[in-house]
Protein backbone atom coordinates (compact mmCIF):
# COMPACT_ATOMS: atom_id res chain seq x y z
CA MET A 1 49.92 37.23 -23.27
CA SER A 2 51.63 37.64 -19.89
CA PHE A 3 49.64 38.58 -16.77
CA GLU A 4 51.54 41.85 -16.50
CA VAL A 5 50.56 42.86 -20.04
CA TRP A 6 46.92 41.93 -19.40
CA LEU A 7 46.95 43.96 -16.13
CA ALA A 8 48.39 46.99 -17.95
CA PHE A 9 45.67 46.69 -20.61
CA ALA A 10 42.98 46.45 -17.93
CA ALA A 11 44.39 49.44 -16.03
CA ALA A 12 44.69 51.59 -19.15
CA SER A 13 41.11 50.65 -20.20
CA ALA A 14 39.70 51.46 -16.80
CA VAL A 15 41.27 54.89 -16.88
CA LEU A 16 39.97 55.59 -20.40
CA LEU A 17 36.49 54.43 -19.51
CA THR A 18 36.17 56.89 -16.58
CA ILE A 19 36.17 59.78 -19.04
CA PRO A 20 32.47 60.38 -19.90
CA GLY A 21 31.69 60.31 -23.62
CA PRO A 22 28.54 60.49 -25.75
CA THR A 23 27.38 57.03 -24.74
CA VAL A 24 27.67 57.80 -21.01
CA LEU A 25 25.69 61.02 -21.60
CA LEU A 26 23.04 59.00 -23.39
CA ILE A 27 22.84 56.49 -20.51
CA ILE A 28 22.49 59.29 -17.96
CA ALA A 29 19.83 61.02 -20.03
CA HIS A 30 17.76 57.88 -20.33
CA ALA A 31 18.24 57.05 -16.64
CA VAL A 32 16.99 60.49 -15.55
CA ALA A 33 14.21 60.66 -18.00
CA HIS A 34 12.86 57.08 -17.86
CA GLY A 35 14.48 55.29 -14.90
CA ARG A 36 16.70 52.28 -14.27
CA ARG A 37 15.20 49.93 -16.83
CA ALA A 38 15.71 52.34 -19.68
CA ALA A 39 19.26 53.03 -18.54
CA LEU A 40 20.12 49.37 -18.35
CA ALA A 41 18.64 48.75 -21.75
CA THR A 42 20.90 51.55 -23.05
CA VAL A 43 23.80 49.90 -21.30
CA ALA A 44 23.13 46.62 -23.14
CA GLY A 45 22.95 48.49 -26.45
CA VAL A 46 26.31 50.23 -25.76
CA ALA A 47 27.90 46.89 -24.86
CA LEU A 48 26.74 45.37 -28.15
CA GLY A 49 28.03 48.43 -30.03
CA ASP A 50 31.42 48.14 -28.36
CA LEU A 51 31.50 44.48 -29.33
CA VAL A 52 30.79 45.28 -32.93
CA ALA A 53 33.32 48.12 -32.97
CA MET A 54 36.07 45.95 -31.39
CA THR A 55 35.34 42.95 -33.62
CA ALA A 56 35.30 45.09 -36.70
CA SER A 57 38.56 46.68 -35.77
CA LEU A 58 40.24 43.38 -35.06
CA ALA A 59 38.89 42.03 -38.42
CA GLY A 60 40.57 44.84 -40.29
CA LEU A 61 37.62 47.20 -40.84
CA GLY A 62 39.46 49.87 -38.91
CA ALA A 63 42.30 49.86 -41.46
CA LEU A 64 39.72 50.21 -44.22
CA LEU A 65 38.11 53.19 -42.60
CA ALA A 66 41.47 54.85 -42.02
CA ALA A 67 42.34 54.41 -45.70
CA SER A 68 38.93 55.41 -47.10
CA ALA A 69 38.26 59.07 -46.36
CA THR A 70 34.79 58.85 -48.03
CA LEU A 71 33.63 55.92 -45.91
CA PHE A 72 35.09 57.42 -42.80
CA GLY A 73 33.39 60.75 -43.52
CA VAL A 74 30.03 59.19 -44.18
CA LEU A 75 29.99 57.22 -40.95
CA LYS A 76 31.32 60.17 -38.98
CA TRP A 77 28.56 62.47 -40.21
CA ALA A 78 25.93 59.82 -39.73
CA GLY A 79 26.96 59.28 -36.15
CA ALA A 80 27.20 63.01 -35.47
CA ALA A 81 23.81 63.63 -36.99
CA TYR A 82 22.28 60.89 -34.86
CA LEU A 83 23.71 62.43 -31.70
CA VAL A 84 22.24 65.81 -32.61
CA TYR A 85 18.87 64.16 -33.28
CA LEU A 86 18.88 62.43 -29.94
CA GLY A 87 19.85 65.69 -28.18
CA TRP A 88 16.95 67.53 -29.98
CA ARG A 89 14.53 64.81 -28.95
CA LEU A 90 15.63 65.05 -25.35
CA TRP A 91 15.50 68.85 -25.38
CA ARG A 92 11.93 68.71 -26.71
CA ALA A 93 10.82 65.82 -24.47
CA PRO A 94 7.49 66.39 -22.68
CA ILE A 95 7.71 66.83 -18.93
CA GLY A 96 5.61 64.41 -16.87
CA ALA A 97 5.77 61.98 -14.00
CA ALA A 98 8.53 59.42 -14.39
CA ASP A 99 7.22 55.91 -14.33
CA GLU A 100 9.63 53.37 -15.54
CA ASP A 101 6.93 50.70 -15.49
CA ALA A 102 4.62 52.47 -17.87
CA PRO A 103 5.01 51.23 -21.45
CA ALA A 104 4.36 54.61 -22.89
CA ALA A 105 7.30 56.10 -20.90
CA TYR A 106 9.93 54.35 -22.98
CA SER A 107 10.50 51.49 -25.32
CA GLY A 108 13.19 49.09 -24.26
CA ARG A 109 13.91 48.16 -27.85
CA ARG A 110 14.21 51.85 -28.86
CA VAL A 111 16.62 52.85 -26.12
CA PHE A 112 18.62 49.67 -26.71
CA LEU A 113 18.95 50.55 -30.41
CA HIS A 114 19.88 54.16 -29.48
CA GLY A 115 22.80 52.90 -27.41
CA PHE A 116 23.87 50.43 -30.05
CA VAL A 117 23.79 52.92 -32.91
CA VAL A 118 25.56 55.72 -31.04
CA THR A 119 28.44 53.32 -30.18
CA ALA A 120 28.68 51.16 -33.29
CA LEU A 121 28.28 54.06 -35.81
CA ASN A 122 31.18 55.99 -34.33
CA PRO A 123 34.06 55.35 -36.65
CA LYS A 124 36.45 57.04 -34.14
CA SER A 125 35.75 54.11 -31.77
CA ILE A 126 36.93 51.58 -34.48
CA VAL A 127 40.03 53.66 -35.28
CA PHE A 128 40.74 54.05 -31.59
CA PHE A 129 40.57 50.25 -31.06
CA VAL A 130 42.86 49.75 -34.04
CA ALA A 131 45.43 52.02 -32.50
CA PHE A 132 44.98 50.84 -28.84
CA LEU A 133 44.63 47.11 -28.98
CA PRO A 134 47.78 46.16 -30.94
CA GLN A 135 49.91 47.77 -28.22
CA PHE A 136 49.11 44.80 -25.93
CA ILE A 137 49.30 41.96 -28.48
CA ASP A 138 52.34 39.68 -28.58
CA THR A 139 52.83 38.62 -32.24
CA ALA A 140 54.95 35.68 -31.12
CA ARG A 141 51.88 34.05 -29.49
CA PRO A 142 48.51 32.89 -30.93
CA LEU A 143 46.61 35.97 -31.88
CA LEU A 144 43.02 34.76 -31.66
CA ALA A 145 43.27 33.90 -27.94
CA GLN A 146 44.85 37.30 -27.16
CA MET A 147 42.27 39.23 -29.09
CA ALA A 148 39.51 37.37 -27.47
CA LEU A 149 40.96 38.07 -23.95
CA LEU A 150 41.40 41.81 -24.69
CA GLU A 151 37.85 42.04 -26.11
CA VAL A 152 36.23 40.28 -23.20
CA THR A 153 38.26 42.38 -20.70
CA PHE A 154 37.40 45.70 -22.30
CA LEU A 155 33.72 44.79 -22.65
CA ALA A 156 33.51 43.68 -19.04
CA LEU A 157 35.05 46.89 -17.81
CA ALA A 158 32.95 49.04 -20.13
CA SER A 159 29.75 47.38 -19.13
CA LEU A 160 30.58 47.72 -15.40
CA ASN A 161 31.43 51.37 -15.86
CA ALA A 162 28.24 52.10 -17.83
CA THR A 163 26.07 50.22 -15.31
CA LEU A 164 27.52 52.23 -12.45
CA PHE A 165 26.69 55.45 -14.30
CA ALA A 166 23.22 54.11 -15.10
CA LEU A 167 22.36 53.14 -11.51
CA SER A 168 23.76 56.36 -10.09
CA ALA A 169 21.81 58.46 -12.50
CA ALA A 170 18.65 56.49 -12.01
CA ALA A 171 18.90 56.85 -8.20
CA ALA A 172 19.36 60.60 -8.61
CA GLY A 173 16.58 60.81 -11.17
CA GLY A 174 14.15 59.25 -8.74
CA VAL A 175 14.26 62.36 -6.56
CA ILE A 176 13.89 64.79 -9.50
CA ARG A 177 10.13 65.25 -9.78
CA ARG A 178 9.58 68.97 -10.18
CA PRO A 179 8.80 69.91 -13.79
CA ALA A 180 11.24 72.81 -13.77
CA VAL A 181 14.07 70.62 -12.58
CA ARG A 182 13.27 67.82 -15.09
CA ARG A 183 13.08 70.37 -17.85
CA ALA A 184 16.47 71.73 -16.91
CA VAL A 185 17.96 68.24 -16.76
CA ASN A 186 16.47 67.36 -20.18
CA ARG A 187 17.74 70.50 -21.79
CA THR A 188 21.22 70.15 -20.15
CA GLY A 189 21.44 66.56 -21.38
CA GLY A 190 20.05 67.42 -24.83
CA GLY A 191 22.44 70.35 -25.14
CA LEU A 192 25.41 68.05 -24.21
CA LEU A 193 24.36 65.45 -26.79
CA ILE A 194 23.95 68.16 -29.44
CA GLY A 195 27.31 69.54 -28.53
CA ALA A 196 28.92 66.11 -28.69
CA GLY A 197 27.48 65.58 -32.20
CA VAL A 198 28.72 68.96 -33.41
CA PHE A 199 32.15 68.37 -31.86
CA ALA A 200 32.39 64.94 -33.48
CA ALA A 201 31.56 66.46 -36.87
CA LEU A 202 34.01 69.39 -36.53
CA TRP A 203 36.84 67.57 -34.66
CA ASP A 204 39.07 67.15 -37.74
CA ARG A 205 38.82 70.80 -38.63
CA VAL A 206 39.54 71.92 -35.02
CA ALA A 207 42.51 69.55 -34.82
CA ARG A 208 43.96 70.97 -38.10
CA ALA A 209 43.50 74.54 -36.83
CA ALA A 210 45.17 73.82 -33.54
């Protein structure tokens, strides 16, 4: 892979990553609700989820999902339902003082798994990688090294992007102490997550109607 092709891939990935998706909404929600540690734990889960999705797509699972409507539908509905569940939990979250050091405030393992599941269980991510990554692979050169380079580059950029969102949201969340404001933030974030889940579930129907 030439440097120019790698640079084009990095630039395209950076542009795509600036568009907030469900995982970014989840990171922001955890940052505001529980602070920087919870947000960074979510970032780690998202990074692992991206790694699984990219590896699966490069291994050929993406082609299997594209060919199997049943499997694709099951994973799509499972991911959408999980987003709705997270949104409902955030909407109903009790309002109290934010203390990221209190063990009762959050579970690092739980928010890590949330980030991982939201990312890894999204079949559209796998299909996206199947469509996106081959555009930058030179079949005349060794494939494994190129795939590894693309995967490491995307994961590094995605992790940096998610970390910046996490730290920014955590800094803003530190000044949000009034119950009314925190309730509004929780319900806005919860509503966005629920909306993302519903949109993910109905996307194919909307696309066909357009």
